[in-house]
Amino acid sequence: MTFQEMIQSEKPVLVDFFATWCGPCKMMAPILDEVKKKVGDNAHIIKIDVDKNPQAAQVYQVSGVPTLILFKQGKVLWRQSGVVPARELERLLQSNA
């Protein structure tokens, strides 16, 4: 499944735009793992390295990392930069599932 196909789906898709050199991005990794365990198959969580995919970062105007964007049926429902607590992400994904 391509990125475009995935964000068009009925399931919410949380995209983490990150960089390997970014400290706060490293803090997000275990948070996203925890959220994935809680929401299971109700949502997709994917990571996009902005250095390897500058085009995707440009399309969604990601200027700082980490930036989290929630998509559903191709629409951006929410976006936030910086480290976001697991509880907030869980609530967000469950309310949009």
N, C-alpha and C. Protein backbone atom coordinates (compact mmCIF):
# COMPACT_ATOMS: atom_id res chain seq x y z
N MET A 1 0.85 -1.20 0.00
CA MET A 1 0.00 0.00 0.00
C MET A 1 0.89 1.25 0.00
N THR A 2 0.61 2.18 -0.88
CA THR A 2 1.40 3.41 -0.93
C THR A 2 0.94 4.36 0.17
N PHE A 3 1.74 5.38 0.41
CA PHE A 3 1.40 6.41 1.40
C PHE A 3 0.06 7.05 1.03
N GLN A 4 -0.10 7.40 -0.25
CA GLN A 4 -1.35 8.05 -0.68
C GLN A 4 -2.57 7.14 -0.46
N GLU A 5 -2.41 5.85 -0.76
CA GLU A 5 -3.52 4.92 -0.55
C GLU A 5 -3.84 4.80 0.94
N MET A 6 -2.79 4.78 1.74
CA MET A 6 -2.99 4.61 3.18
C MET A 6 -3.75 5.80 3.78
N ILE A 7 -3.34 7.04 3.42
CA ILE A 7 -4.01 8.20 4.04
C ILE A 7 -5.43 8.41 3.49
N GLN A 8 -5.77 7.72 2.40
CA GLN A 8 -7.14 7.81 1.86
C GLN A 8 -8.08 6.84 2.57
N SER A 9 -7.53 5.96 3.41
CA SER A 9 -8.34 4.87 3.98
C SER A 9 -9.32 5.37 5.04
N GLU A 10 -10.23 4.48 5.39
CA GLU A 10 -11.24 4.75 6.43
C GLU A 10 -10.61 4.82 7.81
N LYS A 11 -9.51 4.09 7.99
CA LYS A 11 -8.83 4.09 9.28
C LYS A 11 -8.02 5.36 9.43
N PRO A 12 -7.98 5.92 10.64
CA PRO A 12 -7.10 7.08 10.83
C PRO A 12 -5.64 6.65 10.69
N VAL A 13 -4.84 7.54 10.13
CA VAL A 13 -3.42 7.28 9.93
C VAL A 13 -2.63 8.41 10.59
N LEU A 14 -1.85 8.05 11.60
CA LEU A 14 -1.01 9.03 12.28
C LEU A 14 0.37 8.95 11.65
N VAL A 15 0.82 10.06 11.08
CA VAL A 15 2.12 10.10 10.42
C VAL A 15 3.08 10.92 11.28
N ASP A 16 4.21 10.29 11.60
CA ASP A 16 5.26 10.95 12.38
C ASP A 16 6.36 11.35 11.40
N PHE A 17 6.46 12.65 11.12
CA PHE A 17 7.56 13.16 10.30
C PHE A 17 8.72 13.39 11.26
N PHE A 18 9.84 12.68 11.03
CA PHE A 18 10.94 12.73 11.97
C PHE A 18 12.28 12.80 11.24
N ALA A 19 13.35 12.96 12.02
CA ALA A 19 14.71 12.89 11.49
C ALA A 19 15.55 12.10 12.48
N THR A 20 16.50 11.34 11.95
CA THR A 20 17.32 10.48 12.81
C THR A 20 18.18 11.28 13.79
N TRP A 21 18.53 12.52 13.45
CA TRP A 21 19.40 13.36 14.28
C TRP A 21 18.63 14.16 15.33
N CYS A 22 17.30 14.01 15.35
CA CYS A 22 16.45 14.87 16.19
C CYS A 22 16.19 14.22 17.56
N GLY A 23 16.61 14.91 18.63
CA GLY A 23 16.42 14.40 19.99
C GLY A 23 14.97 14.14 20.36
N PRO A 24 14.08 15.15 20.21
CA PRO A 24 12.66 14.93 20.54
C PRO A 24 12.02 13.80 19.71
N CYS A 25 12.53 13.59 18.48
CA CYS A 25 12.00 12.49 17.64
C CYS A 25 12.29 11.15 18.30
N LYS A 26 13.48 11.05 18.90
CA LYS A 26 13.86 9.81 19.58
C LYS A 26 12.95 9.57 20.79
N MET A 27 12.51 10.66 21.43
CA MET A 27 11.59 10.53 22.56
C MET A 27 10.21 10.06 22.10
N MET A 28 9.83 10.40 20.86
CA MET A 28 8.51 10.02 20.33
C MET A 28 8.42 8.53 20.03
N ALA A 29 9.53 7.89 19.67
CA ALA A 29 9.51 6.48 19.24
C ALA A 29 8.84 5.55 20.26
N PRO A 30 9.26 5.55 21.54
CA PRO A 30 8.58 4.66 22.49
C PRO A 30 7.13 5.07 22.76
N ILE A 31 6.83 6.35 22.65
CA ILE A 31 5.45 6.83 22.84
C ILE A 31 4.57 6.25 21.74
N LEU A 32 5.05 6.31 20.50
CA LEU A 32 4.28 5.77 19.37
C LEU A 32 4.12 4.26 19.48
N ASP A 33 5.15 3.57 19.98
CA ASP A 33 5.05 2.11 20.18
C ASP A 33 3.95 1.80 21.18
N GLU A 34 3.91 2.57 22.26
CA GLU A 34 2.89 2.37 23.30
C GLU A 34 1.48 2.62 22.74
N VAL A 35 1.34 3.70 21.98
CA VAL A 35 0.04 4.04 21.38
C VAL A 35 -0.40 2.94 20.42
N LYS A 36 0.53 2.42 19.63
CA LYS A 36 0.20 1.37 18.66
C LYS A 36 -0.34 0.13 19.38
N LYS A 37 0.26 -0.21 20.52
CA LYS A 37 -0.22 -1.37 21.29
C LYS A 37 -1.64 -1.15 21.77
N LYS A 38 -1.95 0.08 22.18
CA LYS A 38 -3.28 0.39 22.73
C LYS A 38 -4.36 0.45 21.64
N VAL A 39 -4.04 1.06 20.50
CA VAL A 39 -5.07 1.23 19.46
C VAL A 39 -5.13 0.05 18.50
N GLY A 40 -4.07 -0.77 18.47
CA GLY A 40 -4.07 -1.98 17.64
C GLY A 40 -4.38 -1.71 16.18
N ASP A 41 -5.37 -2.45 15.66
CA ASP A 41 -5.71 -2.35 14.23
C ASP A 41 -6.69 -1.23 13.92
N ASN A 42 -7.08 -0.45 14.93
CA ASN A 42 -8.03 0.64 14.69
C ASN A 42 -7.41 1.83 13.98
N ALA A 43 -6.08 1.87 13.91
CA ALA A 43 -5.39 2.99 13.27
C ALA A 43 -4.04 2.53 12.75
N HIS A 44 -3.52 3.26 11.78
CA HIS A 44 -2.16 3.03 11.29
C HIS A 44 -1.27 4.12 11.88
N ILE A 45 -0.05 3.74 12.22
CA ILE A 45 0.94 4.73 12.65
C ILE A 45 2.17 4.49 11.77
N ILE A 46 2.56 5.53 11.03
CA ILE A 46 3.72 5.38 10.17
C ILE A 46 4.70 6.52 10.42
N LYS A 47 5.98 6.23 10.16
CA LYS A 47 7.03 7.22 10.36
C LYS A 47 7.62 7.57 9.00
N ILE A 48 7.86 8.85 8.79
CA ILE A 48 8.48 9.30 7.55
C ILE A 48 9.72 10.13 7.90
N ASP A 49 10.86 9.67 7.42
CA ASP A 49 12.13 10.37 7.65
C ASP A 49 12.20 11.54 6.67
N VAL A 50 12.21 12.76 7.20
CA VAL A 50 12.18 13.95 6.33
C VAL A 50 13.46 14.10 5.49
N ASP A 51 14.56 13.52 5.96
CA ASP A 51 15.80 13.60 5.17
C ASP A 51 15.75 12.65 3.97
N LYS A 52 15.07 11.51 4.12
CA LYS A 52 14.96 10.56 3.02
C LYS A 52 13.76 10.87 2.13
N ASN A 53 12.79 11.61 2.65
CA ASN A 53 11.56 11.94 1.90
C ASN A 53 11.26 13.43 1.97
N PRO A 54 12.18 14.25 1.47
CA PRO A 54 11.96 15.70 1.57
C PRO A 54 10.70 16.17 0.83
N GLN A 55 10.33 15.43 -0.21
CA GLN A 55 9.15 15.81 -0.99
C GLN A 55 7.89 15.71 -0.13
N ALA A 56 7.75 14.62 0.63
CA ALA A 56 6.58 14.45 1.51
C ALA A 56 6.55 15.57 2.55
N ALA A 57 7.71 15.88 3.12
CA ALA A 57 7.78 16.95 4.12
C ALA A 57 7.37 18.29 3.50
N GLN A 58 7.78 18.51 2.26
CA GLN A 58 7.46 19.76 1.57
C GLN A 58 5.96 19.84 1.28
N VAL A 59 5.38 18.75 0.80
CA VAL A 59 3.96 18.73 0.46
C VAL A 59 3.11 19.11 1.67
N TYR A 60 3.48 18.60 2.85
CA TYR A 60 2.70 18.86 4.06
C TYR A 60 3.28 19.98 4.90
N GLN A 61 4.19 20.76 4.30
CA GLN A 61 4.78 21.94 4.93
C GLN A 61 5.31 21.65 6.33
N VAL A 62 6.05 20.57 6.44
CA VAL A 62 6.68 20.21 7.70
C VAL A 62 8.00 20.96 7.79
N SER A 63 8.08 21.91 8.71
CA SER A 63 9.31 22.69 8.83
C SER A 63 10.10 22.29 10.07
N GLY A 64 9.44 21.70 11.05
CA GLY A 64 10.14 21.25 12.25
C GLY A 64 9.80 19.80 12.52
N VAL A 65 10.73 19.10 13.17
CA VAL A 65 10.47 17.70 13.52
C VAL A 65 10.61 17.55 15.04
N PRO A 66 9.88 16.64 15.65
CA PRO A 66 8.85 15.82 15.02
C PRO A 66 7.58 16.62 14.74
N THR A 67 6.91 16.31 13.64
CA THR A 67 5.58 16.83 13.36
C THR A 67 4.68 15.63 13.15
N LEU A 68 3.58 15.60 13.89
CA LEU A 68 2.61 14.51 13.78
C LEU A 68 1.39 15.04 13.04
N ILE A 69 0.94 14.28 12.04
CA ILE A 69 -0.25 14.66 11.29
C ILE A 69 -1.20 13.47 11.25
N LEU A 70 -2.47 13.73 11.57
CA LEU A 70 -3.48 12.67 11.53
C LEU A 70 -4.32 12.84 10.28
N PHE A 71 -4.35 11.78 9.47
CA PHE A 71 -5.14 11.76 8.24
C PHE A 71 -6.29 10.76 8.37
N LYS A 72 -7.37 11.05 7.69
CA LYS A 72 -8.45 10.08 7.52
C LYS A 72 -9.16 10.44 6.22
N GLN A 73 -9.32 9.45 5.35
CA GLN A 73 -9.94 9.66 4.04
C GLN A 73 -9.28 10.82 3.29
N GLY A 74 -7.97 10.92 3.43
CA GLY A 74 -7.21 11.93 2.69
C GLY A 74 -7.21 13.32 3.30
N LYS A 75 -7.96 13.51 4.38
CA LYS A 75 -8.04 14.84 5.01
C LYS A 75 -7.14 14.91 6.24
N VAL A 76 -6.56 16.08 6.45
CA VAL A 76 -5.77 16.31 7.66
C VAL A 76 -6.76 16.70 8.77
N LEU A 77 -6.83 15.85 9.80
CA LEU A 77 -7.76 16.11 10.91
C LEU A 77 -7.08 16.87 12.04
N TRP A 78 -5.75 16.71 12.14
CA TRP A 78 -5.03 17.27 13.27
C TRP A 78 -3.56 17.28 12.94
N ARG A 79 -2.84 18.26 13.46
CA ARG A 79 -1.38 18.24 13.32
C ARG A 79 -0.77 19.00 14.48
N GLN A 80 0.39 18.53 14.90
CA GLN A 80 1.09 19.19 16.00
C GLN A 80 2.57 18.88 15.89
N SER A 81 3.39 19.86 16.21
CA SER A 81 4.83 19.65 16.23
C SER A 81 5.28 19.46 17.67
N GLY A 82 6.37 18.73 17.84
CA GLY A 82 6.92 18.49 19.16
C GLY A 82 6.46 17.14 19.71
N VAL A 83 6.89 16.86 20.94
CA VAL A 83 6.56 15.60 21.58
C VAL A 83 5.14 15.67 22.12
N VAL A 84 4.33 14.67 21.77
CA VAL A 84 2.93 14.62 22.19
C VAL A 84 2.75 13.42 23.11
N PRO A 85 2.11 13.61 24.29
CA PRO A 85 1.94 12.49 25.23
C PRO A 85 1.09 11.36 24.65
N ALA A 86 1.40 10.13 25.04
CA ALA A 86 0.71 8.94 24.56
C ALA A 86 -0.80 9.04 24.80
N ARG A 87 -1.20 9.49 25.97
CA ARG A 87 -2.64 9.58 26.29
C ARG A 87 -3.38 10.45 25.30
N GLU A 88 -2.77 11.57 24.95
CA GLU A 88 -3.41 12.50 24.00
C GLU A 88 -3.55 11.85 22.62
N LEU A 89 -2.50 11.15 22.19
CA LEU A 89 -2.55 10.48 20.87
C LEU A 89 -3.59 9.36 20.86
N GLU A 90 -3.65 8.60 21.96
CA GLU A 90 -4.64 7.51 22.05
C GLU A 90 -6.05 8.08 21.92
N ARG A 91 -6.32 9.13 22.69
CA ARG A 91 -7.64 9.75 22.67
C ARG A 91 -7.98 10.25 21.27
N LEU A 92 -7.01 10.87 20.63
CA LEU A 92 -7.18 11.41 19.29
C LEU A 92 -7.53 10.29 18.29
N LEU A 93 -6.76 9.20 18.35
CA LEU A 93 -6.99 8.09 17.42
C LEU A 93 -8.32 7.39 17.70
N GLN A 94 -8.65 7.20 18.97
CA GLN A 94 -9.90 6.52 19.29
C GLN A 94 -11.11 7.36 18.91
N SER A 95 -11.00 8.68 19.06
CA SER A 95 -12.15 9.53 18.73
C SER A 95 -12.34 9.66 17.22
N ASN A 96 -11.31 9.30 16.43
CA ASN A 96 -11.42 9.38 14.97
C ASN A 96 -11.48 8.03 14.30
N ALA A 97 -11.53 6.97 15.09
CA ALA A 97 -11.52 5.60 14.52
C ALA A 97 -12.86 5.29 13.86
